[in-house]
């Protein structure tokens, strides 16, 4: 009786392991971490887990043409926020996890 029970348990475990390995990975996130299309997300800045360091965020903002970037802080939505100037306008600059940079005056 013990051999039969052990055999049934072993068969069930091996079958469930085989089924688990054939399932495709699932993801719920539909937006990429960093946009590679070169297009600005119209909903920017997008909240999400931001992997940019402070130095990377400042560098990205400056590379986008902003000057006098100061007061850079990561907010609770995962968006880097600072003050900066571009094209003669000074205001709040935001960098989200997708790399979108926006300015509000």
PDB file of N, CA and C in Angstrom:
ATOM      1  N   UNK A   1       0.815  -1.190   0.000  1.00  0.00           N
ATOM      2  CA  UNK A   1       0.000   0.000   0.000  1.00  0.00           C
ATOM      3  C   UNK A   1       0.863   1.260   0.000  1.00  0.00           C
ATOM      4  N   UNK A   2       1.983   1.237   0.782  1.00  0.00           N
ATOM      5  CA  UNK A   2       2.863   2.402   0.826  1.00  0.00           C
ATOM      6  C   UNK A   2       3.512   2.644  -0.528  1.00  0.00           C
ATOM      7  N   UNK A   3       3.843   1.549  -1.237  1.00  0.00           N
ATOM      8  CA  UNK A   3       4.469   1.695  -2.548  1.00  0.00           C
ATOM      9  C   UNK A   3       3.516   2.339  -3.543  1.00  0.00           C
ATOM     10  N   UNK A   4       2.252   1.955  -3.475  1.00  0.00           N
ATOM     11  CA  UNK A   4       1.258   2.526  -4.381  1.00  0.00           C
ATOM     12  C   UNK A   4       1.062   4.008  -4.090  1.00  0.00           C
ATOM     13  N   UNK A   5       0.924   4.366  -2.822  1.00  0.00           N
ATOM     14  CA  UNK A   5       0.736   5.764  -2.441  1.00  0.00           C
ATOM     15  C   UNK A   5       1.947   6.597  -2.857  1.00  0.00           C
ATOM     16  N   UNK A   6       3.133   6.047  -2.640  1.00  0.00           N
ATOM     17  CA  UNK A   6       4.349   6.766  -3.029  1.00  0.00           C
ATOM     18  C   UNK A   6       4.403   6.951  -4.542  1.00  0.00           C
ATOM     19  N   UNK A   7       4.027   5.938  -5.275  1.00  0.00           N
ATOM     20  CA  UNK A   7       4.026   6.003  -6.736  1.00  0.00           C
ATOM     21  C   UNK A   7       3.047   7.040  -7.256  1.00  0.00           C
ATOM     22  N   UNK A   8       1.866   7.103  -6.646  1.00  0.00           N
ATOM     23  CA  UNK A   8       0.851   8.079  -7.058  1.00  0.00           C
ATOM     24  C   UNK A   8       1.347   9.502  -6.781  1.00  0.00           C
ATOM     25  N   UNK A   9       1.912   9.721  -5.609  1.00  0.00           N
ATOM     26  CA  UNK A   9       2.431  11.043  -5.247  1.00  0.00           C
ATOM     27  C   UNK A   9       3.553  11.446  -6.198  1.00  0.00           C
ATOM     28  N   UNK A  10       4.466  10.545  -6.487  1.00  0.00           N
ATOM     29  CA  UNK A  10       5.577  10.835  -7.393  1.00  0.00           C
ATOM     30  C   UNK A  10       5.065  11.181  -8.786  1.00  0.00           C
ATOM     31  N   UNK A  11       4.071  10.445  -9.268  1.00  0.00           N
ATOM     32  CA  UNK A  11       3.516  10.701 -10.594  1.00  0.00           C
ATOM     33  C   UNK A  11       2.841  12.072 -10.644  1.00  0.00           C
ATOM     34  N   UNK A  12       2.097  12.415  -9.602  1.00  0.00           N
ATOM     35  CA  UNK A  12       1.435  13.719  -9.556  1.00  0.00           C
ATOM     36  C   UNK A  12       2.439  14.864  -9.521  1.00  0.00           C
ATOM     37  N   UNK A  13       3.487  14.713  -8.732  1.00  0.00           N
ATOM     38  CA  UNK A  13       4.504  15.765  -8.640  1.00  0.00           C
ATOM     39  C   UNK A  13       5.231  15.964  -9.961  1.00  0.00           C
ATOM     40  N   UNK A  14       5.578  14.892 -10.635  1.00  0.00           N
ATOM     41  CA  UNK A  14       6.293  15.035 -11.902  1.00  0.00           C
ATOM     42  C   UNK A  14       5.379  15.622 -12.983  1.00  0.00           C
ATOM     43  N   UNK A  15       4.113  15.277 -12.971  1.00  0.00           N
ATOM     44  CA  UNK A  15       3.168  15.814 -13.950  1.00  0.00           C
ATOM     45  C   UNK A  15       2.953  17.306 -13.724  1.00  0.00           C
ATOM     46  N   UNK A  16       2.822  17.728 -12.466  1.00  0.00           N
ATOM     47  CA  UNK A  16       2.603  19.149 -12.199  1.00  0.00           C
ATOM     48  C   UNK A  16       3.845  19.963 -12.524  1.00  0.00           C
ATOM     49  N   UNK A  17       5.037  19.405 -12.330  1.00  0.00           N
ATOM     50  CA  UNK A  17       6.274  20.103 -12.676  1.00  0.00           C
ATOM     51  C   UNK A  17       6.370  20.290 -14.180  1.00  0.00           C
ATOM     52  N   UNK A  18       5.973  19.282 -14.931  1.00  0.00           N
ATOM     53  CA  UNK A  18       6.021  19.373 -16.393  1.00  0.00           C
ATOM     54  C   UNK A  18       5.034  20.418 -16.905  1.00  0.00           C
ATOM     55  N   UNK A  19       3.860  20.490 -16.326  1.00  0.00           N
ATOM     56  CA  UNK A  19       2.854  21.475 -16.729  1.00  0.00           C
ATOM     57  C   UNK A  19       3.337  22.884 -16.401  1.00  0.00           C
ATOM     58  N   UNK A  20       3.915  23.075 -15.240  1.00  0.00           N
ATOM     59  CA  UNK A  20       4.378  24.398 -14.829  1.00  0.00           C
ATOM     60  C   UNK A  20       5.472  24.912 -15.746  1.00  0.00           C
ATOM     61  N   UNK A  21       6.296  24.037 -16.301  1.00  0.00           N
ATOM     62  CA  UNK A  21       7.377  24.464 -17.168  1.00  0.00           C
ATOM     63  C   UNK A  21       6.898  24.854 -18.554  1.00  0.00           C
ATOM     64  N   UNK A  22       5.720  24.431 -18.963  1.00  0.00           N
ATOM     65  CA  UNK A  22       5.244  24.745 -20.297  1.00  0.00           C
ATOM     66  C   UNK A  22       4.429  26.031 -20.350  1.00  0.00           C
ATOM     67  N   UNK A  23       4.095  26.609 -19.215  1.00  0.00           N
ATOM     68  CA  UNK A  23       3.327  27.849 -19.216  1.00  0.00           C
ATOM     69  C   UNK A  23       4.200  29.012 -19.652  1.00  0.00           C
ATOM     70  N   UNK A  24       3.646  29.891 -20.469  1.00  0.00           N
ATOM     71  CA  UNK A  24       4.372  31.086 -20.899  1.00  0.00           C
ATOM     72  C   UNK A  24       4.425  32.091 -19.759  1.00  0.00           C
ATOM     73  N   UNK A  25       5.532  32.817 -19.625  1.00  0.00           N
ATOM     74  CA  UNK A  25       5.603  33.839 -18.580  1.00  0.00           C
ATOM     75  C   UNK A  25       4.538  34.899 -18.821  1.00  0.00           C
ATOM     76  N   UNK A  26       4.022  35.439 -17.747  1.00  0.00           N
ATOM     77  CA  UNK A  26       2.968  36.443 -17.842  1.00  0.00           C
ATOM     78  C   UNK A  26       3.480  37.765 -17.315  1.00  0.00           C
ATOM     79  N   UNK A  27       3.024  38.842 -17.903  1.00  0.00           N
ATOM     80  CA  UNK A  27       3.371  40.174 -17.427  1.00  0.00           C
ATOM     81  C   UNK A  27       2.149  41.052 -17.533  1.00  0.00           C
ATOM     82  N   UNK A  28       2.019  41.968 -16.603  1.00  0.00           N
ATOM     83  CA  UNK A  28       0.881  42.877 -16.632  1.00  0.00           C
ATOM     84  C   UNK A  28       1.281  44.258 -17.109  1.00  0.00           C
ATOM     85  N   UNK A  29       2.580  44.516 -17.207  1.00  0.00           N
ATOM     86  CA  UNK A  29       3.024  45.845 -17.627  1.00  0.00           C
ATOM     87  C   UNK A  29       3.011  45.915 -19.145  1.00  0.00           C
ATOM     88  N   UNK A  30       2.356  46.917 -19.689  1.00  0.00           N
ATOM     89  CA  UNK A  30       2.241  47.038 -21.134  1.00  0.00           C
ATOM     90  C   UNK A  30       3.113  48.145 -21.695  1.00  0.00           C
ATOM     91  N   UNK A  31       3.732  48.938 -20.851  1.00  0.00           N
ATOM     92  CA  UNK A  31       4.583  50.013 -21.340  1.00  0.00           C
ATOM     93  C   UNK A  31       6.039  49.665 -21.075  1.00  0.00           C
ATOM     94  N   UNK A  32       6.921  49.976 -22.008  1.00  0.00           N
ATOM     95  CA  UNK A  32       8.329  49.639 -21.811  1.00  0.00           C
ATOM     96  C   UNK A  32       8.958  50.519 -20.746  1.00  0.00           C
ATOM     97  N   UNK A  33      10.038  50.014 -20.153  1.00  0.00           N
ATOM     98  CA  UNK A  33      10.738  50.783 -19.129  1.00  0.00           C
ATOM     99  C   UNK A  33      11.311  52.059 -19.723  1.00  0.00           C
ATOM    100  N   UNK A  34      11.917  51.964 -20.872  1.00  0.00           N
ATOM    101  CA  UNK A  34      12.436  53.146 -21.560  1.00  0.00           C
ATOM    102  C   UNK A  34      11.987  53.060 -23.006  1.00  0.00           C
ATOM    103  N   UNK A  35      11.379  54.121 -23.481  1.00  0.00           N
ATOM    104  CA  UNK A  35      10.896  54.146 -24.852  1.00  0.00           C
ATOM    105  C   UNK A  35      12.074  54.140 -25.816  1.00  0.00           C
ATOM    106  N   UNK A  36      12.011  53.283 -26.811  1.00  0.00           N
ATOM    107  CA  UNK A  36      13.052  53.278 -27.823  1.00  0.00           C
ATOM    108  C   UNK A  36      12.511  53.750 -29.166  1.00  0.00           C
ATOM    109  N   UNK A  37      11.273  54.210 -29.187  1.00  0.00           N
ATOM    110  CA  UNK A  37      10.670  54.673 -30.426  1.00  0.00           C
ATOM    111  C   UNK A  37      11.027  56.121 -30.722  1.00  0.00           C
ATOM    112  N   UNK A  38      11.533  56.839 -29.721  1.00  0.00           N
ATOM    113  CA  UNK A  38      11.848  58.244 -29.911  1.00  0.00           C
ATOM    114  C   UNK A  38      10.635  59.142 -29.759  1.00  0.00           C
ATOM    115  N   UNK A  39       9.478  58.561 -29.494  1.00  0.00           N
ATOM    116  CA  UNK A  39       8.259  59.347 -29.344  1.00  0.00           C
ATOM    117  C   UNK A  39       7.964  59.592 -27.873  1.00  0.00           C
ATOM    118  N   UNK A  40       7.425  60.761 -27.579  1.00  0.00           N
ATOM    119  CA  UNK A  40       7.051  61.139 -26.226  1.00  0.00           C
ATOM    120  C   UNK A  40       5.700  60.513 -25.889  1.00  0.00           C
ATOM    121  N   UNK A  41       5.577  59.909 -24.737  1.00  0.00           N
ATOM    122  CA  UNK A  41       4.304  59.374 -24.284  1.00  0.00           C
ATOM    123  C   UNK A  41       3.383  60.557 -23.980  1.00  0.00           C
ATOM    124  N   UNK A  42       2.203  60.631 -24.600  1.00  0.00           N
ATOM    125  CA  UNK A  42       1.320  61.774 -24.365  1.00  0.00           C
ATOM    126  C   UNK A  42       0.818  61.875 -22.928  1.00  0.00           C
ATOM    127  N   UNK A  43       0.897  60.791 -22.178  1.00  0.00           N
ATOM    128  CA  UNK A  43       0.465  60.804 -20.783  1.00  0.00           C
ATOM    129  C   UNK A  43       1.588  61.111 -19.811  1.00  0.00           C
ATOM    130  N   UNK A  44       2.735  61.534 -20.326  1.00  0.00           N
ATOM    131  CA  UNK A  44       3.913  61.784 -19.483  1.00  0.00           C
ATOM    132  C   UNK A  44       3.689  62.967 -18.555  1.00  0.00           C
ATOM    133  N   UNK A  45       4.274  62.950 -17.381  1.00  0.00           N
ATOM    134  CA  UNK A  45       5.124  61.900 -16.861  1.00  0.00           C
ATOM    135  C   UNK A  45       4.304  60.720 -16.343  1.00  0.00           C
ATOM    136  N   UNK A  46       4.819  59.527 -16.598  1.00  0.00           N
ATOM    137  CA  UNK A  46       4.143  58.283 -16.231  1.00  0.00           C
ATOM    138  C   UNK A  46       4.697  57.782 -14.899  1.00  0.00           C
ATOM    139  N   UNK A  47       3.807  57.504 -13.960  1.00  0.00           N
ATOM    140  CA  UNK A  47       4.236  56.979 -12.658  1.00  0.00           C
ATOM    141  C   UNK A  47       4.707  55.549 -12.828  1.00  0.00           C
ATOM    142  N   UNK A  48       5.745  55.187 -12.100  1.00  0.00           N
ATOM    143  CA  UNK A  48       6.252  53.828 -12.144  1.00  0.00           C
ATOM    144  C   UNK A  48       7.617  53.739 -11.499  1.00  0.00           C
ATOM    145  N   UNK A  49       8.058  52.531 -11.264  1.00  0.00           N
ATOM    146  CA  UNK A  49       9.351  52.312 -10.606  1.00  0.00           C
ATOM    147  C   UNK A  49      10.461  52.819 -11.517  1.00  0.00           C
ATOM    148  N   UNK A  50      11.195  53.808 -11.042  1.00  0.00           N
ATOM    149  CA  UNK A  50      12.218  54.480 -11.820  1.00  0.00           C
ATOM    150  C   UNK A  50      13.589  53.922 -11.469  1.00  0.00           C
ATOM    151  N   UNK A  51      14.345  53.504 -12.473  1.00  0.00           N
ATOM    152  CA  UNK A  51      15.669  52.940 -12.221  1.00  0.00           C
ATOM    153  C   UNK A  51      16.801  53.916 -12.505  1.00  0.00           C
ATOM    154  N   UNK A  52      16.471  55.140 -12.938  1.00  0.00           N
ATOM    155  CA  UNK A  52      17.512  56.136 -13.170  1.00  0.00           C
ATOM    156  C   UNK A  52      18.100  56.588 -11.840  1.00  0.00           C
ATOM    157  N   UNK A  53      19.425  56.696 -11.789  1.00  0.00           N
ATOM    158  CA  UNK A  53      20.053  57.298 -10.617  1.00  0.00           C
ATOM    159  C   UNK A  53      19.904  58.805 -10.739  1.00  0.00           C
ATOM    160  N   UNK A  54      20.218  59.518  -9.676  1.00  0.00           N
ATOM    161  CA  UNK A  54      20.124  60.979  -9.716  1.00  0.00           C
ATOM    162  C   UNK A  54      21.033  61.546 -10.805  1.00  0.00           C
ATOM    163  N   UNK A  55      22.253  61.030 -10.901  1.00  0.00           N
ATOM    164  CA  UNK A  55      23.197  61.515 -11.915  1.00  0.00           C
ATOM    165  C   UNK A  55      22.688  61.220 -13.329  1.00  0.00           C
ATOM    166  N   UNK A  56      22.124  60.036 -13.537  1.00  0.00           N
ATOM    167  CA  UNK A  56      21.581  59.688 -14.850  1.00  0.00           C
ATOM    168  C   UNK A  56      20.393  60.571 -15.202  1.00  0.00           C
ATOM    169  N   UNK A  57      19.534  60.833 -14.217  1.00  0.00           N
ATOM    170  CA  UNK A  57      18.365  61.677 -14.455  1.00  0.00           C
ATOM    171  C   UNK A  57      18.794  63.087 -14.854  1.00  0.00           C
ATOM    172  N   UNK A  58      19.740  63.648 -14.118  1.00  0.00           N
ATOM    173  CA  UNK A  58      20.200  65.005 -14.429  1.00  0.00           C
ATOM    174  C   UNK A  58      20.845  65.039 -15.809  1.00  0.00           C
ATOM    175  N   UNK A  59      21.651  64.047 -16.114  1.00  0.00           N
ATOM    176  CA  UNK A  59      22.318  63.979 -17.411  1.00  0.00           C
ATOM    177  C   UNK A  59      21.304  63.881 -18.554  1.00  0.00           C
ATOM    178  N   UNK A  60      20.284  63.054 -18.375  1.00  0.00           N
ATOM    179  CA  UNK A  60      19.248  62.902 -19.410  1.00  0.00           C
ATOM    180  C   UNK A  60      18.484  64.196 -19.632  1.00  0.00           C
ATOM    181  N   UNK A  61      18.167  64.887 -18.547  1.00  0.00           N
ATOM    182  CA  UNK A  61      17.440  66.154 -18.654  1.00  0.00           C
ATOM    183  C   UNK A  61      18.298  67.179 -19.380  1.00  0.00           C
ATOM    184  N   UNK A  62      19.577  67.247 -19.022  1.00  0.00           N
ATOM    185  CA  UNK A  62      20.482  68.201 -19.675  1.00  0.00           C
ATOM    186  C   UNK A  62      20.701  67.848 -21.145  1.00  0.00           C
ATOM    187  N   UNK A  63      20.788  66.568 -21.466  1.00  0.00           N
ATOM    188  CA  UNK A  63      20.948  66.136 -22.858  1.00  0.00           C
ATOM    189  C   UNK A  63      19.725  66.500 -23.697  1.00  0.00           C
ATOM    190  N   UNK A  64      18.573  66.665 -23.054  1.00  0.00           N
ATOM    191  CA  UNK A  64      17.348  67.055 -23.762  1.00  0.00           C
ATOM    192  C   UNK A  64      17.291  68.568 -23.980  1.00  0.00           C
ATOM    193  N   UNK A  65      18.352  69.287 -23.570  1.00  0.00           N
ATOM    194  CA  UNK A  65      18.417  70.718 -23.840  1.00  0.00           C
ATOM    195  C   UNK A  65      18.067  71.625 -22.674  1.00  0.00           C
ATOM    196  N   UNK A  66      17.880  71.073 -21.491  1.00  0.00           N
ATOM    197  CA  UNK A  66      17.545  71.879 -20.316  1.00  0.00           C
ATOM    198  C   UNK A  66      18.828  72.353 -19.640  1.00  0.00           C
ATOM    199  N   UNK A  67      18.793  73.580 -19.149  1.00  0.00           N
ATOM    200  CA  UNK A  67      19.932  74.159 -18.436  1.00  0.00           C
ATOM    201  C   UNK A  67      19.493  74.561 -17.042  1.00  0.00           C
ATOM    202  N   UNK A  68      20.466  74.912 -16.222  1.00  0.00           N
ATOM    203  CA  UNK A  68      20.195  75.346 -14.840  1.00  0.00           C
ATOM    204  C   UNK A  68      19.319  74.343 -14.091  1.00  0.00           C
ATOM    205  N   UNK A  69      19.570  73.052 -14.285  1.00  0.00           N
ATOM    206  CA  UNK A  69      18.796  71.989 -13.628  1.00  0.00           C
ATOM    207  C   UNK A  69      19.178  71.967 -12.152  1.00  0.00           C
ATOM    208  N   UNK A  70      18.183  72.177 -11.287  1.00  0.00           N
ATOM    209  CA  UNK A  70      18.461  72.226  -9.849  1.00  0.00           C
ATOM    210  C   UNK A  70      17.312  71.615  -9.061  1.00  0.00           C
ATOM    211  N   UNK A  71      17.614  71.243  -7.817  1.00  0.00           N
ATOM    212  CA  UNK A  71      16.590  70.708  -6.915  1.00  0.00           C
ATOM    213  C   UNK A  71      16.034  69.372  -7.347  1.00  0.00           C
ATOM    214  N   UNK A  72      16.847  68.544  -7.974  1.00  0.00           N
ATOM    215  CA  UNK A  72      16.384  67.253  -8.493  1.00  0.00           C
ATOM    216  C   UNK A  72      16.024  66.308  -7.349  1.00  0.00           C
ATOM    217  N   UNK A  73      14.787  65.815  -7.370  1.00  0.00           N
ATOM    218  CA  UNK A  73      14.291  64.899  -6.329  1.00  0.00           C
ATOM    219  C   UNK A  73      13.408  63.840  -6.982  1.00  0.00           C
ATOM    220  N   UNK A  74      13.481  62.620  -6.450  1.00  0.00           N
ATOM    221  CA  UNK A  74      12.605  61.537  -6.889  1.00  0.00           C
ATOM    222  C   UNK A  74      11.349  61.559  -6.033  1.00  0.00           C
ATOM    223  N   UNK A  75      10.173  61.732  -6.666  1.00  0.00           N
ATOM    224  CA  UNK A  75       8.942  61.802  -5.877  1.00  0.00           C
ATOM    225  C   UNK A  75       8.381  60.407  -5.586  1.00  0.00           C
ATOM    226  N   UNK A  76       7.269  60.362  -4.854  1.00  0.00           N
ATOM    227  CA  UNK A  76       6.682  59.085  -4.443  1.00  0.00           C
ATOM    228  C   UNK A  76       6.011  58.327  -5.591  1.00  0.00           C
ATOM    229  N   UNK A  77       5.912  58.942  -6.768  1.00  0.00           N
ATOM    230  CA  UNK A  77       5.351  58.281  -7.947  1.00  0.00           C
ATOM    231  C   UNK A  77       6.445  57.716  -8.856  1.00  0.00           C
ATOM    232  N   UNK A  78       7.717  57.883  -8.448  1.00  0.00           N
ATOM    233  CA  UNK A  78       8.825  57.395  -9.259  1.00  0.00           C
ATOM    234  C   UNK A  78       9.218  58.338 -10.373  1.00  0.00           C
ATOM    235  N   UNK A  79       8.880  59.615 -10.236  1.00  0.00           N
ATOM    236  CA  UNK A  79       9.203  60.623 -11.245  1.00  0.00           C
ATOM    237  C   UNK A  79      10.266  61.565 -10.684  1.00  0.00           C
ATOM    238  N   UNK A  80      11.351  61.743 -11.449  1.00  0.00           N
ATOM    239  CA  UNK A  80      12.368  62.715 -11.062  1.00  0.00           C
ATOM    240  C   UNK A  80      11.846  64.100 -11.397  1.00  0.00           C
ATOM    241  N   UNK A  81      11.899  65.023 -10.440  1.00  0.00           N
ATOM    242  CA  UNK A  81      11.408  66.389 -10.640  1.00  0.00           C
ATOM    243  C   UNK A  81      12.499  67.379 -10.281  1.00  0.00           C
ATOM    244  N   UNK A  82      12.584  68.464 -11.067  1.00  0.00           N
ATOM    245  CA  UNK A  82      13.591  69.502 -10.850  1.00  0.00           C
ATOM    246  C   UNK A  82      13.078  70.810 -11.427  1.00  0.00           C
ATOM    247  N   UNK A  83      13.851  71.856 -11.235  1.00  0.00           N
ATOM    248  CA  UNK A  83      13.616  73.135 -11.886  1.00  0.00           C
ATOM    249  C   UNK A  83      14.647  73.235 -13.003  1.00  0.00           C
ATOM    250  N   UNK A  84      14.256  73.838 -14.126  1.00  0.00           N
ATOM    251  CA  UNK A  84      15.191  73.985 -15.226  1.00  0.00           C
ATOM    252  C   UNK A  84      14.690  74.983 -16.250  1.00  0.00           C
ATOM    253  N   UNK A  85      15.554  75.283 -17.204  1.00  0.00           N
ATOM    254  CA  UNK A  85      15.226  76.245 -18.265  1.00  0.00           C
ATOM    255  C   UNK A  85      15.471  75.621 -19.627  1.00  0.00           C
ATOM    256  N   UNK A  86      14.614  76.001 -20.573  1.00  0.00           N
ATOM    257  CA  UNK A  86      14.791  75.567 -21.959  1.00  0.00           C
ATOM    258  C   UNK A  86      14.098  76.572 -22.861  1.00  0.00           C
ATOM    259  N   UNK A  87      14.793  76.983 -23.904  1.00  0.00           N
ATOM    260  CA  UNK A  87      14.234  77.928 -24.879  1.00  0.00           C
ATOM    261  C   UNK A  87      13.718  79.200 -24.215  1.00  0.00           C
ATOM    262  N   UNK A  88      14.433  79.687 -23.214  1.00  0.00           N
ATOM    263  CA  UNK A  88      14.054  80.924 -22.531  1.00  0.00           C
ATOM    264  C   UNK A  88      12.927  80.780 -21.529  1.00  0.00           C
ATOM    265  N   UNK A  89      12.448  79.571 -21.304  1.00  0.00           N
ATOM    266  CA  UNK A  89      11.365  79.336 -20.351  1.00  0.00           C
ATOM    267  C   UNK A  89      11.924  78.601 -19.139  1.00  0.00           C
ATOM    268  N   UNK A  90      11.481  78.990 -17.962  1.00  0.00           N
ATOM    269  CA  UNK A  90      11.920  78.366 -16.713  1.00  0.00           C
ATOM    270  C   UNK A  90      10.704  77.720 -16.049  1.00  0.00           C
ATOM    271  N   UNK A  91      10.875  76.486 -15.563  1.00  0.00           N
ATOM    272  CA  UNK A  91       9.752  75.826 -14.911  1.00  0.00           C
ATOM    273  C   UNK A  91      10.133  74.481 -14.328  1.00  0.00           C
ATOM    274  N   UNK A  92       9.107  73.718 -13.953  1.00  0.00           N
ATOM    275  CA  UNK A  92       9.283  72.388 -13.383  1.00  0.00           C
ATOM    276  C   UNK A  92       9.519  71.381 -14.505  1.00  0.00           C
ATOM    277  N   UNK A  93      10.579  70.598 -14.350  1.00  0.00           N
ATOM    278  CA  UNK A  93      10.925  69.572 -15.328  1.00  0.00           C
ATOM    279  C   UNK A  93      10.716  68.211 -14.669  1.00  0.00           C
ATOM    280  N   UNK A  94      10.177  67.267 -15.425  1.00  0.00           N
ATOM    281  CA  UNK A  94       9.940  65.921 -14.898  1.00  0.00           C
ATOM    282  C   UNK A  94      10.513  64.884 -15.851  1.00  0.00           C
ATOM    283  N   UNK A  95      11.114  63.836 -15.287  1.00  0.00           N
ATOM    284  CA  UNK A  95      11.633  62.690 -16.040  1.00  0.00           C
ATOM    285  C   UNK A  95      11.009  61.439 -15.454  1.00  0.00           C
ATOM    286  N   UNK A  96      10.247  60.694 -16.276  1.00  0.00           N
ATOM    287  CA  UNK A  96       9.615  59.468 -15.767  1.00  0.00           C
ATOM    288  C   UNK A  96      10.454  58.246 -16.093  1.00  0.00           C
ATOM    289  N   UNK A  97       9.988  57.070 -15.670  1.00  0.00           N
ATOM    290  CA  UNK A  97      10.750  55.838 -15.838  1.00  0.00           C
ATOM    291  C   UNK A  97      10.912  55.432 -17.290  1.00  0.00           C
ATOM    292  N   UNK A  98      10.077  55.966 -18.186  1.00  0.00           N
ATOM    293  CA  UNK A  98      10.168  55.653 -19.609  1.00  0.00           C
ATOM    294  C   UNK A  98      11.163  56.562 -20.324  1.00  0.00           C
ATOM    295  N   UNK A  99      11.653  57.570 -19.625  1.00  0.00           N
ATOM    296  CA  UNK A  99      12.581  58.510 -20.245  1.00  0.00           C
ATOM    297  C   UNK A  99      11.891  59.738 -20.809  1.00  0.00           C
ATOM    298  N   UNK A 100      10.580  59.861 -20.619  1.00  0.00           N
ATOM    299  CA  UNK A 100       9.850  61.039 -21.068  1.00  0.00           C
ATOM    300  C   UNK A 100      10.248  62.236 -20.214  1.00  0.00           C
ATOM    301  N   UNK A 101      10.511  63.355 -20.861  1.00  0.00           N
ATOM    302  CA  UNK A 101      10.856  64.590 -20.143  1.00  0.00           C
ATOM    303  C   UNK A 101       9.797  65.631 -20.495  1.00  0.00           C
ATOM    304  N   UNK A 102       9.196  66.196 -19.466  1.00  0.00           N
ATOM    305  CA  UNK A 102       8.158  67.199 -19.664  1.00  0.00           C
ATOM    306  C   UNK A 102       8.480  68.435 -18.833  1.00  0.00           C
ATOM    307  N   UNK A 103       7.894  69.563 -19.237  1.00  0.00           N
ATOM    308  CA  UNK A 103       8.094  70.806 -18.502  1.00  0.00           C
ATOM    309  C   UNK A 103       6.751  71.477 -18.286  1.00  0.00           C
ATOM    310  N   UNK A 104       6.501  71.869 -17.056  1.00  0.00           N
ATOM    311  CA  UNK A 104       5.307  72.638 -16.707  1.00  0.00           C
ATOM    312  C   UNK A 104       5.772  74.007 -16.216  1.00  0.00           C
ATOM    313  N   UNK A 105       5.165  75.048 -16.707  1.00  0.00           N
ATOM    314  CA  UNK A 105       5.597  76.400 -16.317  1.00  0.00           C
ATOM    315  C   UNK A 105       4.752  76.952 -15.212  1.00  0.00           C
TER     316      UNK A 105
END
